[in-house]
């Protein structure tokens, strides 16, 4: 018998990625192994964690540059 899946607040994940948090820290926030978290991202968004996190981190970087300007 499998354990029930842990809930992931995807809005919080996006905010943490935009702020530059690494996937290992985000996985720890939801009390799960990082490989499990990366698999859940791939299942939900249809892309690898690296591509997804880079997309979000780029948004955060652009927000920082705009604020500095």
N, C-alpha and C. Protein backbone atom coordinates (compact mmCIF):
# COMPACT_ATOMS: atom_id res chain seq x y z
N UNK A 1 0.84 -1.18 0.00
CA UNK A 1 0.00 0.00 0.00
C UNK A 1 0.89 1.25 0.00
N UNK A 2 0.60 2.16 -0.90
CA UNK A 2 1.40 3.38 -1.05
C UNK A 2 0.92 4.46 -0.09
N UNK A 3 1.86 5.32 0.23
CA UNK A 3 1.50 6.51 1.02
C UNK A 3 0.74 7.48 0.13
N UNK A 4 -0.18 8.27 0.70
CA UNK A 4 -0.86 9.28 -0.11
C UNK A 4 0.13 10.37 -0.52
N UNK A 5 -0.10 10.93 -1.70
CA UNK A 5 0.77 12.01 -2.17
C UNK A 5 0.63 13.23 -1.28
N UNK A 6 1.75 13.89 -1.03
CA UNK A 6 1.73 15.14 -0.27
C UNK A 6 1.25 16.26 -1.18
N UNK A 7 0.49 17.15 -0.59
CA UNK A 7 0.02 18.31 -1.34
C UNK A 7 1.16 19.29 -1.56
N UNK A 8 1.18 19.87 -2.74
CA UNK A 8 2.17 20.89 -3.08
C UNK A 8 1.41 22.16 -3.44
N UNK A 9 1.78 23.24 -2.79
CA UNK A 9 1.21 24.55 -3.12
C UNK A 9 2.03 25.10 -4.29
N UNK A 10 1.50 24.95 -5.49
CA UNK A 10 2.26 25.31 -6.69
C UNK A 10 2.48 26.81 -6.80
N UNK A 11 1.58 27.61 -6.25
CA UNK A 11 1.80 29.07 -6.25
C UNK A 11 3.01 29.41 -5.39
N UNK A 12 3.15 28.74 -4.26
CA UNK A 12 4.30 28.95 -3.39
C UNK A 12 5.59 28.48 -4.07
N UNK A 13 5.51 27.36 -4.77
CA UNK A 13 6.68 26.85 -5.51
C UNK A 13 7.14 27.91 -6.50
N UNK A 14 6.20 28.47 -7.26
CA UNK A 14 6.55 29.50 -8.24
C UNK A 14 7.21 30.70 -7.57
N UNK A 15 6.66 31.16 -6.45
CA UNK A 15 7.23 32.31 -5.74
C UNK A 15 8.64 32.00 -5.24
N UNK A 16 8.84 30.80 -4.73
CA UNK A 16 10.17 30.43 -4.23
C UNK A 16 11.18 30.33 -5.37
N UNK A 17 10.75 29.79 -6.51
CA UNK A 17 11.65 29.71 -7.67
C UNK A 17 11.97 31.10 -8.20
N UNK A 18 10.99 31.97 -8.27
CA UNK A 18 11.23 33.34 -8.73
C UNK A 18 12.22 34.04 -7.82
N UNK A 19 12.15 33.75 -6.53
CA UNK A 19 13.07 34.39 -5.58
C UNK A 19 14.46 33.76 -5.60
N UNK A 20 14.63 32.66 -6.34
CA UNK A 20 15.95 32.06 -6.49
C UNK A 20 16.22 30.86 -5.61
N UNK A 21 15.22 30.34 -4.93
CA UNK A 21 15.43 29.17 -4.08
C UNK A 21 15.71 27.93 -4.93
N UNK A 22 16.67 27.11 -4.53
CA UNK A 22 16.95 25.88 -5.28
C UNK A 22 15.88 24.82 -4.99
N UNK A 23 15.77 23.87 -5.91
CA UNK A 23 14.77 22.82 -5.80
C UNK A 23 14.92 21.98 -4.55
N UNK A 24 16.14 21.78 -4.09
CA UNK A 24 16.35 20.96 -2.89
C UNK A 24 15.73 21.63 -1.67
N UNK A 25 15.83 22.95 -1.58
CA UNK A 25 15.22 23.68 -0.46
C UNK A 25 13.70 23.66 -0.55
N UNK A 26 13.18 23.79 -1.76
CA UNK A 26 11.73 23.77 -1.94
C UNK A 26 11.18 22.39 -1.58
N UNK A 27 11.86 21.34 -2.02
CA UNK A 27 11.44 19.98 -1.68
C UNK A 27 11.43 19.79 -0.16
N UNK A 28 12.45 20.30 0.50
CA UNK A 28 12.52 20.18 1.96
C UNK A 28 11.37 20.94 2.62
N UNK A 29 10.99 22.05 2.03
CA UNK A 29 9.87 22.83 2.57
C UNK A 29 8.58 21.99 2.60
N UNK A 30 8.41 21.15 1.59
CA UNK A 30 7.23 20.29 1.51
C UNK A 30 7.50 18.91 2.10
N UNK A 31 8.64 18.75 2.77
CA UNK A 31 9.00 17.52 3.47
C UNK A 31 8.98 16.31 2.54
N UNK A 32 9.69 16.45 1.40
CA UNK A 32 9.80 15.34 0.47
C UNK A 32 11.20 15.31 -0.13
N UNK A 33 11.56 14.17 -0.66
CA UNK A 33 12.87 14.01 -1.30
C UNK A 33 12.88 14.83 -2.59
N UNK A 34 14.03 15.40 -2.91
CA UNK A 34 14.09 16.27 -4.09
C UNK A 34 13.77 15.52 -5.38
N UNK A 35 14.14 14.24 -5.48
CA UNK A 35 13.81 13.48 -6.70
C UNK A 35 12.29 13.34 -6.86
N UNK A 36 11.60 13.14 -5.76
CA UNK A 36 10.13 13.06 -5.79
C UNK A 36 9.55 14.39 -6.24
N UNK A 37 10.08 15.47 -5.69
CA UNK A 37 9.61 16.81 -6.06
C UNK A 37 9.86 17.07 -7.54
N UNK A 38 11.04 16.74 -8.04
CA UNK A 38 11.36 16.96 -9.46
C UNK A 38 10.41 16.15 -10.35
N UNK A 39 10.09 14.92 -9.94
CA UNK A 39 9.17 14.08 -10.71
C UNK A 39 7.78 14.69 -10.73
N UNK A 40 7.35 15.23 -9.59
CA UNK A 40 6.02 15.85 -9.52
C UNK A 40 5.94 17.08 -10.42
N UNK A 41 7.02 17.85 -10.48
CA UNK A 41 7.06 19.02 -11.38
C UNK A 41 6.93 18.54 -12.83
N UNK A 42 7.67 17.50 -13.17
CA UNK A 42 7.62 16.97 -14.54
C UNK A 42 6.23 16.43 -14.87
N UNK A 43 5.60 15.74 -13.93
CA UNK A 43 4.25 15.23 -14.15
C UNK A 43 3.25 16.36 -14.36
N UNK A 44 3.38 17.42 -13.58
CA UNK A 44 2.40 18.52 -13.65
C UNK A 44 2.60 19.41 -14.87
N UNK A 45 3.84 19.75 -15.17
CA UNK A 45 4.11 20.75 -16.22
C UNK A 45 4.65 20.18 -17.52
N UNK A 46 4.97 18.89 -17.54
CA UNK A 46 5.43 18.27 -18.79
C UNK A 46 6.81 18.72 -19.23
N UNK A 47 7.60 19.22 -18.30
CA UNK A 47 8.99 19.60 -18.61
C UNK A 47 9.84 19.28 -17.39
N UNK A 48 11.12 19.13 -17.62
CA UNK A 48 12.03 18.82 -16.52
C UNK A 48 12.11 19.97 -15.53
N UNK A 49 12.56 19.63 -14.33
CA UNK A 49 12.65 20.66 -13.29
C UNK A 49 13.61 21.77 -13.68
N UNK A 50 14.72 21.42 -14.30
CA UNK A 50 15.72 22.43 -14.67
C UNK A 50 15.12 23.48 -15.59
N UNK A 51 14.40 23.03 -16.62
CA UNK A 51 13.79 23.97 -17.56
C UNK A 51 12.73 24.83 -16.86
N UNK A 52 11.91 24.20 -16.04
CA UNK A 52 10.85 24.93 -15.34
C UNK A 52 11.44 25.95 -14.37
N UNK A 53 12.43 25.54 -13.59
CA UNK A 53 13.01 26.46 -12.62
C UNK A 53 13.74 27.61 -13.31
N UNK A 54 14.38 27.34 -14.43
CA UNK A 54 15.08 28.40 -15.16
C UNK A 54 14.10 29.44 -15.69
N UNK A 55 12.94 28.97 -16.15
CA UNK A 55 11.90 29.87 -16.64
C UNK A 55 11.44 30.81 -15.52
N UNK A 56 11.22 30.26 -14.35
CA UNK A 56 10.76 31.07 -13.22
C UNK A 56 11.87 31.97 -12.69
N UNK A 57 13.07 31.45 -12.61
CA UNK A 57 14.20 32.25 -12.10
C UNK A 57 14.48 33.42 -13.02
N UNK A 58 14.33 33.22 -14.33
CA UNK A 58 14.54 34.32 -15.28
C UNK A 58 13.54 35.45 -15.04
N UNK A 59 12.32 35.08 -14.70
CA UNK A 59 11.31 36.09 -14.37
C UNK A 59 11.75 36.89 -13.15
N UNK A 60 12.26 36.21 -12.13
CA UNK A 60 12.74 36.88 -10.93
C UNK A 60 13.91 37.79 -11.22
N UNK A 61 14.84 37.32 -12.05
CA UNK A 61 16.00 38.14 -12.41
C UNK A 61 15.57 39.41 -13.13
N UNK A 62 14.58 39.28 -14.02
CA UNK A 62 14.13 40.46 -14.76
C UNK A 62 13.42 41.44 -13.83
N UNK A 63 12.70 40.93 -12.83
CA UNK A 63 12.04 41.81 -11.86
C UNK A 63 13.08 42.58 -11.04
N UNK A 64 14.17 41.91 -10.68
CA UNK A 64 15.24 42.58 -9.93
C UNK A 64 15.87 43.68 -10.77
N UNK A 65 16.18 43.36 -12.04
CA UNK A 65 16.80 44.37 -12.90
C UNK A 65 15.88 45.58 -13.09
N UNK A 66 14.60 45.34 -13.27
CA UNK A 66 13.66 46.44 -13.44
C UNK A 66 13.60 47.31 -12.20
N UNK A 67 13.62 46.69 -11.02
CA UNK A 67 13.58 47.45 -9.77
C UNK A 67 14.86 48.27 -9.60
N UNK A 68 16.00 47.69 -9.98
CA UNK A 68 17.27 48.40 -9.85
C UNK A 68 17.35 49.58 -10.80
N UNK A 69 16.74 49.44 -11.95
CA UNK A 69 16.77 50.51 -12.95
C UNK A 69 15.96 51.69 -12.45
